């Protein structure tokens, strides 16, 4: 598998609130559904180059961790999500 990602999803963890009724946050739900849709439409492409979502709870004043920086640099597309 490649270390390259199709997309890097950037969001504030505090914005990843669940829809009414609980469950996973809306950003996580969006990414899961996007991955499933792409896997159905482009199965080899998604398996080769996945979408990456950071589940670490970083704050705005934190430095970007080396792991996150590496993932961002290896991504073809940055998808910023802002509330």
Protein backbone atom coordinates (compact mmCIF):
# COMPACT_ATOMS: atom_id res chain seq x y z
CA UNK A 1 0.00 0.00 0.00
CA UNK A 2 1.17 3.49 -0.80
CA UNK A 3 2.02 6.06 1.86
CA UNK A 4 0.19 8.60 -0.28
CA UNK A 5 -3.32 9.79 0.60
CA UNK A 6 -6.04 10.99 -1.72
CA UNK A 7 -7.10 13.62 0.78
CA UNK A 8 -6.29 14.98 4.21
CA UNK A 9 -9.39 16.07 6.11
CA UNK A 10 -8.62 19.03 8.37
CA UNK A 11 -11.17 19.91 11.04
CA UNK A 12 -11.47 21.10 14.62
CA UNK A 13 -12.26 18.13 16.85
CA UNK A 14 -14.70 20.25 18.85
CA UNK A 15 -16.77 20.67 15.67
CA UNK A 16 -17.09 16.90 15.17
CA UNK A 17 -20.35 16.81 17.09
CA UNK A 18 -22.84 13.99 16.62
CA UNK A 19 -26.11 14.55 14.84
CA UNK A 20 -29.14 14.59 17.11
CA UNK A 21 -29.61 11.10 18.42
CA UNK A 22 -25.95 10.58 19.29
CA UNK A 23 -23.45 8.36 17.54
CA UNK A 24 -20.33 9.46 15.74
CA UNK A 25 -19.60 13.07 14.96
CA UNK A 26 -20.73 14.55 11.65
CA UNK A 27 -17.19 14.93 10.28
CA UNK A 28 -16.39 11.28 11.07
CA UNK A 29 -19.71 10.23 9.53
CA UNK A 30 -19.00 12.29 6.40
CA UNK A 31 -15.55 10.76 5.95
CA UNK A 32 -16.83 7.20 6.53
CA UNK A 33 -19.58 7.66 3.95
CA UNK A 34 -17.23 9.32 1.47
CA UNK A 35 -14.78 6.41 1.80
CA UNK A 36 -17.57 3.87 1.31
CA UNK A 37 -18.88 5.72 -1.74
CA UNK A 38 -15.43 6.03 -3.30
CA UNK A 39 -14.65 2.39 -2.51
CA UNK A 40 -17.81 1.38 -4.35
CA UNK A 41 -17.09 3.65 -7.34
CA UNK A 42 -13.28 3.47 -7.45
CA UNK A 43 -12.27 0.45 -5.34
CA UNK A 44 -8.65 0.16 -6.44
CA UNK A 45 -7.99 3.89 -6.19
CA UNK A 46 -9.25 4.21 -2.62
CA UNK A 47 -7.44 1.09 -1.42
CA UNK A 48 -4.25 2.45 -2.93
CA UNK A 49 -4.66 6.07 -1.75
CA UNK A 50 -6.99 6.37 1.25
CA UNK A 51 -8.54 9.45 2.79
CA UNK A 52 -6.84 10.42 6.03
CA UNK A 53 -8.60 11.92 9.03
CA UNK A 54 -6.83 12.93 12.22
CA UNK A 55 -8.61 11.66 15.31
CA UNK A 56 -6.12 13.26 17.72
CA UNK A 57 -7.59 16.09 19.73
CA UNK A 58 -5.18 18.90 18.99
CA UNK A 59 -5.87 22.45 20.10
CA UNK A 60 -5.27 25.53 17.98
CA UNK A 61 -2.18 26.49 19.95
CA UNK A 62 -0.50 23.05 19.59
CA UNK A 63 2.32 22.43 17.16
CA UNK A 64 1.49 20.09 14.36
CA UNK A 65 2.80 16.66 15.27
CA UNK A 66 5.39 15.16 12.94
CA UNK A 67 2.97 12.32 12.11
CA UNK A 68 0.26 14.76 11.03
CA UNK A 69 2.71 16.89 9.07
CA UNK A 70 3.93 13.78 7.23
CA UNK A 71 0.35 12.75 6.40
CA UNK A 72 -0.49 16.24 5.16
CA UNK A 73 2.61 16.41 2.98
CA UNK A 74 1.75 12.99 1.52
CA UNK A 75 -1.79 14.01 0.60
CA UNK A 76 -2.91 15.09 -2.83
CA UNK A 77 -5.79 17.20 -1.57
CA UNK A 78 -6.45 19.18 1.60
CA UNK A 79 -10.13 19.33 2.60
CA UNK A 80 -10.58 21.96 5.29
CA UNK A 81 -13.84 21.74 7.22
CA UNK A 82 -14.84 24.76 9.22
CA UNK A 83 -18.02 25.33 11.10
